[in-house]
C-alpha cells in the first residue's frame, strides 16, 4: 500500500487572525507613545535652536558693539534648519524686562502639545506661553524634555 503524507504549507486562517489581532493590540498602545516621543523630540530641537540662536545673538552683539535688534539668518530661524519648519524662531525687541532681546520658538501647527511657545531672553529666563498657565516646575520639565 502506497501512503503519502500530506504536509500543509502556509498559515491557517485562525493563525493569521490571531497574528493580526496581536499586531492591532500592539499598534493601539504603541502609536500614542510613539507620537508623544516625536513631539518630545521636536520640543528638544526647538530648545536647542533657541540656545543656538541666543549664542548667535550674543556673538553678533559683541562684534557689532550695539544692542540693536538683529535678524536671525537662514538656518537659525526655524527648526529643523532645512525642510518644512516645525518651530519658527523670532527675535523680540528689547524691553526693560528681557535684558536686550528675547527669542521665541513658536510651533507652526497647532497640536495637542501643552507646552506652547518657548521663550528665552538675554538674562537667561526661560518661559513658555501656553493655553494654560505653567508653573516653574512644569516650565523646567518642558525645557529639559521630561
C-alpha atoms as a PDB file:
ATOM      1  CA  UNK A   1       0.000   0.000   0.000  1.00  0.00           C
ATOM      2  CA  UNK A   2       1.318   3.346  -1.006  1.00  0.00           C
ATOM      3  CA  UNK A   3       0.674   6.097   1.534  1.00  0.00           C
ATOM      4  CA  UNK A   4       1.797   9.620   1.010  1.00  0.00           C
ATOM      5  CA  UNK A   5       1.969  12.105   3.802  1.00  0.00           C
ATOM      6  CA  UNK A   6       0.225  15.334   3.056  1.00  0.00           C
ATOM      7  CA  UNK A   7       2.072  18.300   4.547  1.00  0.00           C
ATOM      8  CA  UNK A   8       0.460  21.670   4.547  1.00  0.00           C
ATOM      9  CA  UNK A   9       2.440  24.800   3.993  1.00  0.00           C
ATOM     10  CA  UNK A  10       1.452  28.313   4.974  1.00  0.00           C
ATOM     11  CA  UNK A  11      -0.789  29.652   7.693  1.00  0.00           C
ATOM     12  CA  UNK A  12      -4.277  28.685   8.558  1.00  0.00           C
ATOM     13  CA  UNK A  13      -6.923  31.374   8.738  1.00  0.00           C
ATOM     14  CA  UNK A  14      -7.021  31.090  12.529  1.00  0.00           C
ATOM     15  CA  UNK A  15      -3.269  31.637  12.858  1.00  0.00           C
ATOM     16  CA  UNK A  16      -3.445  34.629  10.558  1.00  0.00           C
ATOM     17  CA  UNK A  17      -6.319  36.206  12.508  1.00  0.00           C
ATOM     18  CA  UNK A  18      -4.530  35.718  15.843  1.00  0.00           C
ATOM     19  CA  UNK A  19      -1.390  37.352  14.434  1.00  0.00           C
ATOM     20  CA  UNK A  20      -3.347  40.314  13.083  1.00  0.00           C
ATOM     21  CA  UNK A  21      -5.172  40.701  16.402  1.00  0.00           C
ATOM     22  CA  UNK A  22      -1.908  40.782  18.359  1.00  0.00           C
ATOM     23  CA  UNK A  23      -0.429  43.308  15.888  1.00  0.00           C
ATOM     24  CA  UNK A  24      -3.521  45.523  16.224  1.00  0.00           C
ATOM     25  CA  UNK A  25      -3.332  45.466  20.026  1.00  0.00           C
ATOM     26  CA  UNK A  26       0.352  46.397  19.941  1.00  0.00           C
ATOM     27  CA  UNK A  27      -0.353  49.221  17.476  1.00  0.00           C
ATOM     28  CA  UNK A  28      -3.145  50.637  19.652  1.00  0.00           C
ATOM     29  CA  UNK A  29      -0.777  51.007  22.595  1.00  0.00           C
ATOM     30  CA  UNK A  30       2.388  51.855  20.682  1.00  0.00           C
ATOM     31  CA  UNK A  31       1.127  54.668  18.437  1.00  0.00           C
ATOM     32  CA  UNK A  32       0.294  57.217  21.176  1.00  0.00           C
ATOM     33  CA  UNK A  33       3.642  56.594  22.847  1.00  0.00           C
ATOM     34  CA  UNK A  34       5.422  56.976  19.517  1.00  0.00           C
ATOM     35  CA  UNK A  35       3.590  60.230  18.783  1.00  0.00           C
ATOM     36  CA  UNK A  36       4.496  61.624  22.218  1.00  0.00           C
ATOM     37  CA  UNK A  37       8.159  60.748  21.642  1.00  0.00           C
ATOM     38  CA  UNK A  38       8.096  62.525  18.260  1.00  0.00           C
ATOM     39  CA  UNK A  39       6.587  65.648  19.895  1.00  0.00           C
ATOM     40  CA  UNK A  40       9.209  65.469  22.640  1.00  0.00           C
ATOM     41  CA  UNK A  41      11.946  65.292  20.005  1.00  0.00           C
ATOM     42  CA  UNK A  42      10.530  68.340  18.235  1.00  0.00           C
ATOM     43  CA  UNK A  43      10.404  70.257  21.530  1.00  0.00           C
ATOM     44  CA  UNK A  44      14.024  69.394  22.306  1.00  0.00           C
ATOM     45  CA  UNK A  45      15.026  70.509  18.794  1.00  0.00           C
ATOM     46  CA  UNK A  46      13.262  73.826  19.430  1.00  0.00           C
ATOM     47  CA  UNK A  47      15.104  74.285  22.734  1.00  0.00           C
ATOM     48  CA  UNK A  48      18.440  73.540  21.061  1.00  0.00           C
ATOM     49  CA  UNK A  49      17.604  76.009  18.272  1.00  0.00           C
ATOM     50  CA  UNK A  50      16.788  78.714  20.825  1.00  0.00           C
ATOM     51  CA  UNK A  51      20.128  78.201  22.566  1.00  0.00           C
ATOM     52  CA  UNK A  52      21.925  78.260  19.202  1.00  0.00           C
ATOM     53  CA  UNK A  53      20.119  81.488  18.246  1.00  0.00           C
ATOM     54  CA  UNK A  54      20.953  83.049  21.631  1.00  0.00           C
ATOM     55  CA  UNK A  55      24.600  82.171  21.136  1.00  0.00           C
ATOM     56  CA  UNK A  56      24.460  83.796  17.692  1.00  0.00           C
ATOM     57  CA  UNK A  57      22.811  86.909  19.147  1.00  0.00           C
ATOM     58  CA  UNK A  58      25.402  87.251  21.893  1.00  0.00           C
ATOM     59  CA  UNK A  59      28.305  86.943  19.468  1.00  0.00           C
ATOM     60  CA  UNK A  60      26.659  89.351  16.984  1.00  0.00           C
ATOM     61  CA  UNK A  61      26.045  91.891  19.751  1.00  0.00           C
ATOM     62  CA  UNK A  62      29.662  91.560  20.879  1.00  0.00           C
ATOM     63  CA  UNK A  63      31.019  92.052  17.363  1.00  0.00           C
ATOM     64  CA  UNK A  64      28.740  94.962  16.460  1.00  0.00           C
ATOM     65  CA  UNK A  65      29.102  96.649  19.835  1.00  0.00           C
ATOM     66  CA  UNK A  66      25.459  97.672  19.931  1.00  0.00           C
ATOM     67  CA  UNK A  67      22.215  96.324  21.243  1.00  0.00           C
ATOM     68  CA  UNK A  68      20.320  96.907  18.025  1.00  0.00           C
ATOM     69  CA  UNK A  69      17.843  94.235  17.085  1.00  0.00           C
ATOM     70  CA  UNK A  70      19.356  91.729  14.731  1.00  0.00           C
ATOM     71  CA  UNK A  71      17.618  89.340  12.405  1.00  0.00           C
ATOM     72  CA  UNK A  72      18.296  85.632  12.593  1.00  0.00           C
ATOM     73  CA  UNK A  73      19.951  84.302   9.420  1.00  0.00           C
ATOM     74  CA  UNK A  74      18.664  81.311   7.477  1.00  0.00           C
ATOM     75  CA  UNK A  75      19.254  78.131   9.424  1.00  0.00           C
ATOM     76  CA  UNK A  76      18.758  79.912  12.742  1.00  0.00           C
ATOM     77  CA  UNK A  77      15.181  80.978  12.067  1.00  0.00           C
ATOM     78  CA  UNK A  78      13.484  77.571  12.131  1.00  0.00           C
ATOM     79  CA  UNK A  79      13.810  74.011  13.294  1.00  0.00           C
ATOM     80  CA  UNK A  80      14.727  71.777  11.585  1.00  0.00           C
ATOM     81  CA  UNK A  81      17.175  74.034   9.764  1.00  0.00           C
ATOM     82  CA  UNK A  82      16.188  72.639   6.358  1.00  0.00           C
ATOM     83  CA  UNK A  83      12.882  71.398   5.066  1.00  0.00           C
ATOM     84  CA  UNK A  84       9.447  72.126   6.407  1.00  0.00           C
ATOM     85  CA  UNK A  85       9.620  74.080   9.673  1.00  0.00           C
ATOM     86  CA  UNK A  86       8.087  72.658  12.823  1.00  0.00           C
ATOM     87  CA  UNK A  87       9.041  75.614  15.034  1.00  0.00           C
ATOM     88  CA  UNK A  88       9.718  79.144  13.763  1.00  0.00           C
ATOM     89  CA  UNK A  89      12.136  81.317  15.746  1.00  0.00           C
ATOM     90  CA  UNK A  90      11.916  85.088  16.025  1.00  0.00           C
ATOM     91  CA  UNK A  91      13.625  87.832  17.968  1.00  0.00           C
ATOM     92  CA  UNK A  92      11.517  90.187  20.041  1.00  0.00           C
ATOM     93  CA  UNK A  93      12.503  93.795  20.594  1.00  0.00           C
ATOM     94  CA  UNK A  94      14.365  94.989  23.654  1.00  0.00           C
ATOM     95  CA  UNK A  95      12.322  95.801  26.716  1.00  0.00           C
ATOM     96  CA  UNK A  96      13.060  96.674  30.323  1.00  0.00           C
ATOM     97  CA  UNK A  97      12.454  93.082  31.359  1.00  0.00           C
ATOM     98  CA  UNK A  98      14.369  90.989  28.806  1.00  0.00           C
ATOM     99  CA  UNK A  99      17.880  92.437  29.033  1.00  0.00           C
ATOM    100  CA  UNK A 100      18.254  93.298  25.350  1.00  0.00           C
ATOM    101  CA  UNK A 101      16.399  90.678  23.374  1.00  0.00           C
ATOM    102  CA  UNK A 102      14.110  87.713  23.637  1.00  0.00           C
ATOM    103  CA  UNK A 103      13.971  84.705  21.320  1.00  0.00           C
ATOM    104  CA  UNK A 104      10.767  82.750  20.822  1.00  0.00           C
ATOM    105  CA  UNK A 105      10.135  79.408  19.160  1.00  0.00           C
ATOM    106  CA  UNK A 106       6.539  79.053  18.058  1.00  0.00           C
ATOM    107  CA  UNK A 107       5.105  75.795  16.712  1.00  0.00           C
ATOM    108  CA  UNK A 108       3.933  76.090  13.098  1.00  0.00           C
ATOM    109  CA  UNK A 109       0.945  73.816  13.501  1.00  0.00           C
ATOM    110  CA  UNK A 110      -1.353  73.743  16.464  1.00  0.00           C
ATOM    111  CA  UNK A 111      -1.084  70.368  18.147  1.00  0.00           C
ATOM    112  CA  UNK A 112      -2.331  68.993  21.412  1.00  0.00           C
ATOM    113  CA  UNK A 113       1.031  69.922  22.892  1.00  0.00           C
ATOM    114  CA  UNK A 114       0.517  71.760  26.184  1.00  0.00           C
ATOM    115  CA  UNK A 115       3.932  73.483  26.164  1.00  0.00           C
ATOM    116  CA  UNK A 116       3.112  76.256  23.674  1.00  0.00           C
ATOM    117  CA  UNK A 117       5.677  78.864  22.677  1.00  0.00           C
ATOM    118  CA  UNK A 118       9.184  78.600  24.130  1.00  0.00           C
ATOM    119  CA  UNK A 119      10.924  81.885  25.038  1.00  0.00           C
ATOM    120  CA  UNK A 120      14.435  82.736  26.254  1.00  0.00           C
ATOM    121  CA  UNK A 121      15.596  86.248  26.992  1.00  0.00           C
ATOM    122  CA  UNK A 122      19.049  87.779  27.263  1.00  0.00           C
ATOM    123  CA  UNK A 123      19.029  87.424  31.048  1.00  0.00           C
ATOM    124  CA  UNK A 124      18.605  83.643  30.727  1.00  0.00           C
ATOM    125  CA  UNK A 125      14.989  83.465  31.878  1.00  0.00           C
ATOM    126  CA  UNK A 126      13.148  80.562  30.237  1.00  0.00           C
ATOM    127  CA  UNK A 127       9.398  80.638  29.842  1.00  0.00           C
ATOM    128  CA  UNK A 128       6.526  79.082  27.951  1.00  0.00           C
ATOM    129  CA  UNK A 129       3.351  80.711  26.732  1.00  0.00           C
ATOM    130  CA  UNK A 130       0.714  78.043  26.668  1.00  0.00           C
ATOM    131  CA  UNK A 131      -3.053  77.871  26.793  1.00  0.00           C
ATOM    132  CA  UNK A 132      -2.836  77.098  30.483  1.00  0.00           C
ATOM    133  CA  UNK A 133      -0.520  78.863  32.911  1.00  0.00           C
ATOM    134  CA  UNK A 134       2.526  76.668  33.513  1.00  0.00           C
ATOM    135  CA  UNK A 135       4.183  76.618  36.919  1.00  0.00           C
ATOM    136  CA  UNK A 136       8.004  76.891  37.167  1.00  0.00           C
ATOM    137  CA  UNK A 137       8.451  73.109  37.657  1.00  0.00           C
ATOM    138  CA  UNK A 138       6.383  72.470  34.521  1.00  0.00           C
ATOM    139  CA  UNK A 139       8.423  75.026  32.571  1.00  0.00           C
ATOM    140  CA  UNK A 140      11.627  73.321  33.715  1.00  0.00           C
ATOM    141  CA  UNK A 141      10.208  69.982  32.579  1.00  0.00           C
ATOM    142  CA  UNK A 142       9.380  71.492  29.169  1.00  0.00           C
ATOM    143  CA  UNK A 143      12.912  72.702  28.657  1.00  0.00           C
ATOM    144  CA  UNK A 144      14.573  69.504  29.885  1.00  0.00           C
ATOM    145  CA  UNK A 145      12.408  67.152  27.837  1.00  0.00           C
ATOM    146  CA  UNK A 146      10.786  65.347  30.732  1.00  0.00           C
END
